């Protein structure tokens, strides 16, 4: 017991000597800094206690164990480096870009663009979107290749075409189309197409006959009138060419008569 008491007295004396030495070595400046540090530490501990940061210690421990805290630190360093490298002009452009992007997203949301996503997906799956892009490129290439003169002629052609369509519409081409539809439904159009080649040949022969009549009328108008009488008729019938003409007319008459009799 005496030995233990003596040991405690020796330890207390040593601590007293250490405290005395520390007090002797501390200056007023060191004491002030130590007091400020202690005050700041107590303030931090008080804030941690009031904000409930102690509840986050298990999560922080898990972040440390998984290495996620180090990754967060690297990410923070990367963001900090990016902030240091960015100028005011870059920050302004980035802010403008973000603002435009948010405005675009807002317009897309208000326009109901999400309803068009299935249709766009089908276009992509069927390859139609690629065809549309190629068609747009073709149109752009045509626009780049067209000169002012070509554009003027194209506009004039389109204007003439629209004017022609308007005239056809006012002239009743719609009724003609309806009549053609009815003829196609009834089969009359097919029959007309079948007899059209022979009809064209007959029209050519009819045209030849009309030209012959016209030429004959002109020739007779220039000749002297017939003298009349049996002698004139005899001379007319004695001509071989006139006899062939009469045979031709008689043949036409017989064909017409037989056709009329058959219809009756």
C-alpha atoms as a PDB file:
ATOM      1  CA  UNK A   1       0.000   0.000   0.000  1.00  0.00           C
ATOM      2  CA  UNK A   2       2.794   2.406   0.908  1.00  0.00           C
ATOM      3  CA  UNK A   3       4.575   1.532  -2.337  1.00  0.00           C
ATOM      4  CA  UNK A   4       1.426   2.188  -4.419  1.00  0.00           C
ATOM      5  CA  UNK A   5       0.811   5.502  -2.637  1.00  0.00           C
ATOM      6  CA  UNK A   6       4.371   6.543  -3.265  1.00  0.00           C
ATOM      7  CA  UNK A   7       4.008   5.677  -6.958  1.00  0.00           C
ATOM      8  CA  UNK A   8       0.859   7.765  -7.251  1.00  0.00           C
ATOM      9  CA  UNK A   9       2.608  10.703  -5.560  1.00  0.00           C
ATOM     10  CA  UNK A  10       5.470  10.410  -8.047  1.00  0.00           C
ATOM     11  CA  UNK A  11       3.040  10.342 -11.047  1.00  0.00           C
ATOM     12  CA  UNK A  12       1.136  13.337  -9.727  1.00  0.00           C
ATOM     13  CA  UNK A  13       4.363  15.216  -9.294  1.00  0.00           C
ATOM     14  CA  UNK A  14       5.468  14.437 -12.822  1.00  0.00           C
ATOM     15  CA  UNK A  15       2.117  15.616 -14.226  1.00  0.00           C
ATOM     16  CA  UNK A  16       2.416  18.768 -12.210  1.00  0.00           C
ATOM     17  CA  UNK A  17       5.893  19.367 -13.577  1.00  0.00           C
ATOM     18  CA  UNK A  18       4.626  18.725 -17.163  1.00  0.00           C
ATOM     19  CA  UNK A  19       1.709  21.138 -16.698  1.00  0.00           C
ATOM     20  CA  UNK A  20       4.021  23.732 -15.227  1.00  0.00           C
ATOM     21  CA  UNK A  21       6.435  23.338 -18.149  1.00  0.00           C
ATOM     22  CA  UNK A  22       3.551  23.680 -20.650  1.00  0.00           C
ATOM     23  CA  UNK A  23       2.315  26.820 -18.947  1.00  0.00           C
ATOM     24  CA  UNK A  24       5.814  28.274 -18.998  1.00  0.00           C
ATOM     25  CA  UNK A  25       6.257  27.492 -22.738  1.00  0.00           C
ATOM     26  CA  UNK A  26       2.845  28.873 -23.840  1.00  0.00           C
ATOM     27  CA  UNK A  27       2.774  32.455 -25.053  1.00  0.00           C
ATOM     28  CA  UNK A  28      -0.276  34.670 -25.143  1.00  0.00           C
ATOM     29  CA  UNK A  29      -0.599  34.215 -28.896  1.00  0.00           C
ATOM     30  CA  UNK A  30      -0.510  30.417 -28.589  1.00  0.00           C
ATOM     31  CA  UNK A  31      -3.094  30.525 -25.829  1.00  0.00           C
ATOM     32  CA  UNK A  32      -5.405  32.670 -27.981  1.00  0.00           C
ATOM     33  CA  UNK A  33      -5.055  30.349 -30.961  1.00  0.00           C
ATOM     34  CA  UNK A  34      -5.652  27.311 -28.779  1.00  0.00           C
ATOM     35  CA  UNK A  35      -8.764  28.914 -27.323  1.00  0.00           C
ATOM     36  CA  UNK A  36     -10.041  29.804 -30.837  1.00  0.00           C
ATOM     37  CA  UNK A  37      -9.383  26.256 -32.031  1.00  0.00           C
ATOM     38  CA  UNK A  38     -11.182  24.768 -29.047  1.00  0.00           C
ATOM     39  CA  UNK A  39     -14.102  27.139 -29.574  1.00  0.00           C
ATOM     40  CA  UNK A  40     -14.345  26.190 -33.261  1.00  0.00           C
ATOM     41  CA  UNK A  41     -14.176  22.483 -32.398  1.00  0.00           C
ATOM     42  CA  UNK A  42     -16.944  22.852 -29.824  1.00  0.00           C
ATOM     43  CA  UNK A  43     -19.046  24.802 -32.353  1.00  0.00           C
ATOM     44  CA  UNK A  44     -18.570  22.065 -34.951  1.00  0.00           C
ATOM     45  CA  UNK A  45     -19.520  19.375 -32.456  1.00  0.00           C
ATOM     46  CA  UNK A  46     -22.606  21.371 -31.516  1.00  0.00           C
ATOM     47  CA  UNK A  47     -23.661  21.746 -35.162  1.00  0.00           C
ATOM     48  CA  UNK A  48     -23.094  18.045 -35.827  1.00  0.00           C
ATOM     49  CA  UNK A  49     -25.218  17.186 -32.838  1.00  0.00           C
ATOM     50  CA  UNK A  50     -28.047  19.529 -33.834  1.00  0.00           C
ATOM     51  CA  UNK A  51     -28.158  18.512 -37.506  1.00  0.00           C
ATOM     52  CA  UNK A  52     -28.162  14.785 -36.712  1.00  0.00           C
ATOM     53  CA  UNK A  53     -24.971  14.156 -38.667  1.00  0.00           C
ATOM     54  CA  UNK A  54     -24.254  11.275 -36.360  1.00  0.00           C
ATOM     55  CA  UNK A  55     -26.963   9.309 -38.162  1.00  0.00           C
ATOM     56  CA  UNK A  56     -24.939   9.609 -41.375  1.00  0.00           C
ATOM     57  CA  UNK A  57     -21.824   8.034 -39.901  1.00  0.00           C
ATOM     58  CA  UNK A  58     -22.868   4.436 -40.891  1.00  0.00           C
ATOM     59  CA  UNK A  59     -23.522   5.565 -44.455  1.00  0.00           C
ATOM     60  CA  UNK A  60     -20.168   7.361 -44.566  1.00  0.00           C
ATOM     61  CA  UNK A  61     -18.466   4.243 -43.211  1.00  0.00           C
ATOM     62  CA  UNK A  62     -20.074   2.169 -45.964  1.00  0.00           C
ATOM     63  CA  UNK A  63     -18.937   4.701 -48.578  1.00  0.00           C
ATOM     64  CA  UNK A  64     -15.401   4.434 -47.246  1.00  0.00           C
ATOM     65  CA  UNK A  65     -15.470   0.634 -47.280  1.00  0.00           C
ATOM     66  CA  UNK A  66     -16.876   0.442 -50.849  1.00  0.00           C
ATOM     67  CA  UNK A  67     -14.493   3.058 -52.170  1.00  0.00           C
ATOM     68  CA  UNK A  68     -17.395   5.279 -53.218  1.00  0.00           C
ATOM     69  CA  UNK A  69     -16.134   8.138 -51.083  1.00  0.00           C
ATOM     70  CA  UNK A  70     -12.898   8.198 -53.046  1.00  0.00           C
ATOM     71  CA  UNK A  71     -14.860   8.225 -56.308  1.00  0.00           C
ATOM     72  CA  UNK A  72     -16.972  11.138 -55.022  1.00  0.00           C
ATOM     73  CA  UNK A  73     -13.746  12.930 -54.152  1.00  0.00           C
ATOM     74  CA  UNK A  74     -12.381  12.365 -57.664  1.00  0.00           C
ATOM     75  CA  UNK A  75     -15.662  13.587 -59.140  1.00  0.00           C
ATOM     76  CA  UNK A  76     -15.549  16.685 -56.970  1.00  0.00           C
ATOM     77  CA  UNK A  77     -11.964  17.311 -58.112  1.00  0.00           C
ATOM     78  CA  UNK A  78     -13.054  16.887 -61.740  1.00  0.00           C
ATOM     79  CA  UNK A  79     -15.907  19.356 -61.268  1.00  0.00           C
ATOM     80  CA  UNK A  80     -13.551  21.738 -59.538  1.00  0.00           C
ATOM     81  CA  UNK A  81     -11.047  21.459 -62.385  1.00  0.00           C
ATOM     82  CA  UNK A  82     -13.808  22.108 -64.890  1.00  0.00           C
ATOM     83  CA  UNK A  83     -14.917  25.166 -62.944  1.00  0.00           C
ATOM     84  CA  UNK A  84     -11.344  26.460 -62.862  1.00  0.00           C
ATOM     85  CA  UNK A  85     -10.942  25.876 -66.621  1.00  0.00           C
ATOM     86  CA  UNK A  86     -14.226  27.506 -67.615  1.00  0.00           C
ATOM     87  CA  UNK A  87     -14.221  31.173 -68.534  1.00  0.00           C
ATOM     88  CA  UNK A  88     -17.094  33.605 -68.130  1.00  0.00           C
ATOM     89  CA  UNK A  89     -17.883  33.273 -71.840  1.00  0.00           C
ATOM     90  CA  UNK A  90     -18.014  29.475 -71.573  1.00  0.00           C
ATOM     91  CA  UNK A  91     -20.255  29.692 -68.520  1.00  0.00           C
ATOM     92  CA  UNK A  92     -22.586  32.061 -70.387  1.00  0.00           C
ATOM     93  CA  UNK A  93     -22.809  29.760 -73.414  1.00  0.00           C
ATOM     94  CA  UNK A  94     -23.385  26.720 -71.199  1.00  0.00           C
ATOM     95  CA  UNK A  95     -26.161  28.536 -69.346  1.00  0.00           C
ATOM     96  CA  UNK A  96     -27.734  29.560 -72.661  1.00  0.00           C
ATOM     97  CA  UNK A  97     -27.511  25.985 -73.932  1.00  0.00           C
ATOM     98  CA  UNK A  98     -29.102  24.592 -70.784  1.00  0.00           C
ATOM     99  CA  UNK A  99     -31.850  27.203 -70.969  1.00  0.00           C
ATOM    100  CA  UNK A 100     -32.569  26.377 -74.607  1.00  0.00           C
ATOM    101  CA  UNK A 101     -32.572  22.666 -73.795  1.00  0.00           C
ATOM    102  CA  UNK A 102     -35.067  23.112 -70.963  1.00  0.00           C
ATOM    103  CA  UNK A 103     -37.225  25.317 -73.189  1.00  0.00           C
ATOM    104  CA  UNK A 104     -37.135  22.646 -75.914  1.00  0.00           C
ATOM    105  CA  UNK A 105     -38.117  19.940 -73.425  1.00  0.00           C
ATOM    106  CA  UNK A 106     -40.982  22.120 -72.221  1.00  0.00           C
ATOM    107  CA  UNK A 107     -42.229  22.670 -75.778  1.00  0.00           C
ATOM    108  CA  UNK A 108     -41.963  18.948 -76.528  1.00  0.00           C
ATOM    109  CA  UNK A 109     -43.951  18.138 -73.407  1.00  0.00           C
ATOM    110  CA  UNK A 110     -46.666  20.682 -74.155  1.00  0.00           C
ATOM    111  CA  UNK A 111     -46.914  19.636 -77.818  1.00  0.00           C
ATOM    112  CA  UNK A 112     -47.577  16.009 -76.882  1.00  0.00           C
ATOM    113  CA  UNK A 113     -44.515  14.766 -78.736  1.00  0.00           C
ATOM    114  CA  UNK A 114     -44.563  11.557 -76.689  1.00  0.00           C
ATOM    115  CA  UNK A 115     -47.582  10.405 -78.736  1.00  0.00           C
ATOM    116  CA  UNK A 116     -45.420  10.470 -81.876  1.00  0.00           C
ATOM    117  CA  UNK A 117     -42.723   8.227 -80.393  1.00  0.00           C
ATOM    118  CA  UNK A 118     -44.469   4.940 -81.407  1.00  0.00           C
ATOM    119  CA  UNK A 119     -44.830   6.173 -84.993  1.00  0.00           C
ATOM    120  CA  UNK A 120     -41.187   7.241 -85.081  1.00  0.00           C
ATOM    121  CA  UNK A 121     -40.187   3.836 -83.698  1.00  0.00           C
ATOM    122  CA  UNK A 122     -42.106   2.117 -86.516  1.00  0.00           C
ATOM    123  CA  UNK A 123     -40.455   4.400 -89.074  1.00  0.00           C
ATOM    124  CA  UNK A 124     -37.046   3.431 -87.720  1.00  0.00           C
ATOM    125  CA  UNK A 125     -37.917  -0.282 -87.596  1.00  0.00           C
ATOM    126  CA  UNK A 126     -39.277  -0.307 -91.183  1.00  0.00           C
ATOM    127  CA  UNK A 127     -36.443   1.795 -92.571  1.00  0.00           C
ATOM    128  CA  UNK A 128     -38.855   4.523 -93.678  1.00  0.00           C
ATOM    129  CA  UNK A 129     -37.024   7.158 -91.648  1.00  0.00           C
ATOM    130  CA  UNK A 130     -33.844   6.450 -93.611  1.00  0.00           C
ATOM    131  CA  UNK A 131     -35.790   6.818 -96.860  1.00  0.00           C
ATOM    132  CA  UNK A 132     -37.238  10.128 -95.667  1.00  0.00           C
ATOM    133  CA  UNK A 133     -33.733  11.357 -94.835  1.00  0.00           C
ATOM    134  CA  UNK A 134     -32.479  10.304 -98.274  1.00  0.00           C
ATOM    135  CA  UNK A 135     -35.447  12.051 -99.914  1.00  0.00           C
ATOM    136  CA  UNK A 136     -34.686  15.207 -97.941  1.00  0.00           C
ATOM    137  CA  UNK A 137     -31.052  15.014 -99.064  1.00  0.00           C
ATOM    138  CA  UNK A 138     -32.217  14.599-102.662  1.00  0.00           C
ATOM    139  CA  UNK A 139     -34.453  17.659-102.382  1.00  0.00           C
ATOM    140  CA  UNK A 140     -31.626  19.670-100.808  1.00  0.00           C
ATOM    141  CA  UNK A 141     -29.250  18.591-103.578  1.00  0.00           C
ATOM    142  CA  UNK A 142     -31.829  19.615-106.185  1.00  0.00           C
ATOM    143  CA  UNK A 143     -32.236  22.984-104.462  1.00  0.00           C
ATOM    144  CA  UNK A 144     -28.473  23.500-104.437  1.00  0.00           C
ATOM    145  CA  UNK A 145     -28.198  22.544-108.114  1.00  0.00           C
ATOM    146  CA  UNK A 146     -31.067  24.735-109.316  1.00  0.00           C
ATOM    147  CA  UNK A 147     -30.253  28.178-110.646  1.00  0.00           C
ATOM    148  CA  UNK A 148     -32.493  31.230-110.569  1.00  0.00           C
ATOM    149  CA  UNK A 149     -33.450  30.649-114.200  1.00  0.00           C
ATOM    150  CA  UNK A 150     -34.430  27.047-113.475  1.00  0.00           C
ATOM    151  CA  UNK A 151     -36.477  28.130-110.469  1.00  0.00           C
ATOM    152  CA  UNK A 152     -38.249  30.732-112.596  1.00  0.00           C
ATOM    153  CA  UNK A 153     -39.102  28.211-115.313  1.00  0.00           C
ATOM    154  CA  UNK A 154     -40.279  25.674-112.759  1.00  0.00           C
ATOM    155  CA  UNK A 155     -42.506  28.252-111.086  1.00  0.00           C
ATOM    156  CA  UNK A 156     -43.910  29.249-114.478  1.00  0.00           C
ATOM    157  CA  UNK A 157     -44.592  25.605-115.363  1.00  0.00           C
ATOM    158  CA  UNK A 158     -46.356  25.009-112.057  1.00  0.00           C
ATOM    159  CA  UNK A 159     -48.405  28.173-112.579  1.00  0.00           C
ATOM    160  CA  UNK A 160     -49.441  27.073-116.071  1.00  0.00           C
ATOM    161  CA  UNK A 161     -50.348  23.627-114.756  1.00  0.00           C
ATOM    162  CA  UNK A 162     -52.522  25.073-112.013  1.00  0.00           C
ATOM    163  CA  UNK A 163     -54.190  27.378-114.537  1.00  0.00           C
ATOM    164  CA  UNK A 164     -54.861  24.409-116.834  1.00  0.00           C
ATOM    165  CA  UNK A 165     -56.364  22.431-113.963  1.00  0.00           C
ATOM    166  CA  UNK A 166     -58.587  25.373-113.088  1.00  0.00           C
ATOM    167  CA  UNK A 167     -59.791  25.637-116.695  1.00  0.00           C
ATOM    168  CA  UNK A 168     -60.485  21.916-116.875  1.00  0.00           C
ATOM    169  CA  UNK A 169     -62.404  22.105-113.630  1.00  0.00           C
ATOM    170  CA  UNK A 170     -64.526  25.003-114.868  1.00  0.00           C
ATOM    171  CA  UNK A 171     -65.068  23.261-118.232  1.00  0.00           C
ATOM    172  CA  UNK A 172     -66.695  20.281-116.519  1.00  0.00           C
ATOM    173  CA  UNK A 173     -63.888  17.753-116.670  1.00  0.00           C
ATOM    174  CA  UNK A 174     -65.319  16.248-113.504  1.00  0.00           C
ATOM    175  CA  UNK A 175     -68.440  15.221-115.419  1.00  0.00           C
ATOM    176  CA  UNK A 176     -66.255  13.704-118.133  1.00  0.00           C
ATOM    177  CA  UNK A 177     -64.396  11.654-115.532  1.00  0.00           C
ATOM    178  CA  UNK A 178     -67.726  10.489-114.069  1.00  0.00           C
ATOM    179  CA  UNK A 179     -68.904   9.473-117.527  1.00  0.00           C
ATOM    180  CA  UNK A 180     -65.668   7.548-118.126  1.00  0.00           C
ATOM    181  CA  UNK A 181     -66.120   5.787-114.790  1.00  0.00           C
ATOM    182  CA  UNK A 182     -69.638   4.768-115.755  1.00  0.00           C
ATOM    183  CA  UNK A 183     -68.429   3.553-119.143  1.00  0.00           C
ATOM    184  CA  UNK A 184     -65.697   1.538-117.451  1.00  0.00           C
ATOM    185  CA  UNK A 185     -68.212   0.029-115.036  1.00  0.00           C
ATOM    186  CA  UNK A 186     -70.626  -0.944-117.809  1.00  0.00           C
ATOM    187  CA  UNK A 187     -67.859  -2.348-120.030  1.00  0.00           C
ATOM    188  CA  UNK A 188     -68.462   0.189-122.797  1.00  0.00           C
ATOM    189  CA  UNK A 189     -64.943   1.517-122.455  1.00  0.00           C
ATOM    190  CA  UNK A 190     -63.481  -1.912-123.175  1.00  0.00           C
ATOM    191  CA  UNK A 191     -65.682  -2.307-126.244  1.00  0.00           C
ATOM    192  CA  UNK A 192     -64.598   1.097-127.518  1.00  0.00           C
ATOM    193  CA  UNK A 193     -60.969   0.132-126.993  1.00  0.00           C
ATOM    194  CA  UNK A 194     -61.562  -3.097-128.941  1.00  0.00           C
ATOM    195  CA  UNK A 195     -63.170  -1.426-131.980  1.00  0.00           C
ATOM    196  CA  UNK A 196     -60.931   1.630-131.921  1.00  0.00           C
ATOM    197  CA  UNK A 197     -58.315   0.298-134.408  1.00  0.00           C
ATOM    198  CA  UNK A 198     -60.964  -0.584-137.026  1.00  0.00           C
ATOM    199  CA  UNK A 199     -62.752   2.686-136.299  1.00  0.00           C
ATOM    200  CA  UNK A 200     -59.585   4.629-136.985  1.00  0.00           C
ATOM    201  CA  UNK A 201     -59.201   2.870-140.354  1.00  0.00           C
ATOM    202  CA  UNK A 202     -62.793   3.698-141.292  1.00  0.00           C
ATOM    203  CA  UNK A 203     -62.323   7.298-140.258  1.00  0.00           C
ATOM    204  CA  UNK A 204     -59.305   7.493-142.543  1.00  0.00           C
ATOM    205  CA  UNK A 205     -61.366   6.105-145.444  1.00  0.00           C
ATOM    206  CA  UNK A 206     -64.169   8.563-144.638  1.00  0.00           C
ATOM    207  CA  UNK A 207     -61.653  11.381-144.648  1.00  0.00           C
ATOM    208  CA  UNK A 208     -60.427  10.194-148.040  1.00  0.00           C
ATOM    209  CA  UNK A 209     -63.998  10.189-149.371  1.00  0.00           C
ATOM    210  CA  UNK A 210     -64.620  13.701-148.097  1.00  0.00           C
ATOM    211  CA  UNK A 211     -61.412  14.923-149.685  1.00  0.00           C
ATOM    212  CA  UNK A 212     -62.452  13.288-152.962  1.00  0.00           C
ATOM    213  CA  UNK A 213     -65.866  14.999-152.808  1.00  0.00           C
ATOM    214  CA  UNK A 214     -64.219  18.335-152.143  1.00  0.00           C
ATOM    215  CA  UNK A 215     -61.765  17.873-155.005  1.00  0.00           C
ATOM    216  CA  UNK A 216     -64.566  16.760-157.343  1.00  0.00           C
ATOM    217  CA  UNK A 217     -66.656  19.808-156.433  1.00  0.00           C
ATOM    218  CA  UNK A 218     -63.735  22.111-157.188  1.00  0.00           C
ATOM    219  CA  UNK A 219     -63.059  20.384-160.532  1.00  0.00           C
ATOM    220  CA  UNK A 220     -66.695  20.509-161.655  1.00  0.00           C
ATOM    221  CA  UNK A 221     -66.950  24.157-160.743  1.00  0.00           C
ATOM    222  CA  UNK A 222     -64.106  24.933-163.156  1.00  0.00           C
ATOM    223  CA  UNK A 223     -65.448  22.841-166.073  1.00  0.00           C
ATOM    224  CA  UNK A 224     -68.136  23.925-168.561  1.00  0.00           C
ATOM    225  CA  UNK A 225     -71.659  22.791-167.746  1.00  0.00           C
ATOM    226  CA  UNK A 226     -73.107  19.756-169.563  1.00  0.00           C
ATOM    227  CA  UNK A 227     -74.942  20.460-172.857  1.00  0.00           C
ATOM    228  CA  UNK A 228     -77.725  18.005-172.037  1.00  0.00           C
ATOM    229  CA  UNK A 229     -79.561  15.682-174.350  1.00  0.00           C
ATOM    230  CA  UNK A 230     -79.124  12.064-175.312  1.00  0.00           C
ATOM    231  CA  UNK A 231     -75.803  12.777-177.054  1.00  0.00           C
ATOM    232  CA  UNK A 232     -74.281  14.259-173.929  1.00  0.00           C
ATOM    233  CA  UNK A 233     -75.524  11.337-171.852  1.00  0.00           C
ATOM    234  CA  UNK A 234     -74.151   8.928-174.449  1.00  0.00           C
ATOM    235  CA  UNK A 235     -70.708  10.544-174.378  1.00  0.00           C
ATOM    236  CA  UNK A 236     -70.784  10.459-170.581  1.00  0.00           C
ATOM    237  CA  UNK A 237     -71.658   6.780-170.497  1.00  0.00           C
ATOM    238  CA  UNK A 238     -69.188   5.934-173.247  1.00  0.00           C
ATOM    239  CA  UNK A 239     -66.283   7.029-171.003  1.00  0.00           C
ATOM    240  CA  UNK A 240     -64.747   3.953-169.327  1.00  0.00           C
ATOM    241  CA  UNK A 241     -63.775   5.858-166.163  1.00  0.00           C
ATOM    242  CA  UNK A 242     -67.323   7.149-165.782  1.00  0.00           C
ATOM    243  CA  UNK A 243     -68.596   3.608-166.081  1.00  0.00           C
ATOM    244  CA  UNK A 244     -66.254   2.521-163.196  1.00  0.00           C
ATOM    245  CA  UNK A 245     -67.529   5.405-161.118  1.00  0.00           C
ATOM    246  CA  UNK A 246     -71.121   4.352-161.716  1.00  0.00           C
ATOM    247  CA  UNK A 247     -70.284   0.766-160.798  1.00  0.00           C
ATOM    248  CA  UNK A 248     -68.689   2.006-157.572  1.00  0.00           C
ATOM    249  CA  UNK A 249     -71.762   4.098-156.728  1.00  0.00           C
ATOM    250  CA  UNK A 250     -74.074   1.195-157.543  1.00  0.00           C
ATOM    251  CA  UNK A 251     -72.013  -1.045-155.268  1.00  0.00           C
ATOM    252  CA  UNK A 252     -72.299   1.457-152.410  1.00  0.00           C
ATOM    253  CA  UNK A 253     -76.030   1.682-152.998  1.00  0.00           C
ATOM    254  CA  UNK A 254     -76.435  -2.104-152.859  1.00  0.00           C
ATOM    255  CA  UNK A 255     -74.472  -2.344-149.579  1.00  0.00           C
ATOM    256  CA  UNK A 256     -76.523   0.431-148.018  1.00  0.00           C
ATOM    257  CA  UNK A 257     -79.770  -1.149-149.151  1.00  0.00           C
ATOM    258  CA  UNK A 258     -78.825  -4.591-147.809  1.00  0.00           C
ATOM    259  CA  UNK A 259     -77.779  -3.087-144.468  1.00  0.00           C
ATOM    260  CA  UNK A 260     -81.056  -1.197-144.133  1.00  0.00           C
ATOM    261  CA  UNK A 261     -83.124  -4.239-145.068  1.00  0.00           C
ATOM    262  CA  UNK A 262     -81.305  -6.405-142.518  1.00  0.00           C
ATOM    263  CA  UNK A 263     -81.966  -3.882-139.736  1.00  0.00           C
ATOM    264  CA  UNK A 264     -85.668  -3.849-140.578  1.00  0.00           C
END
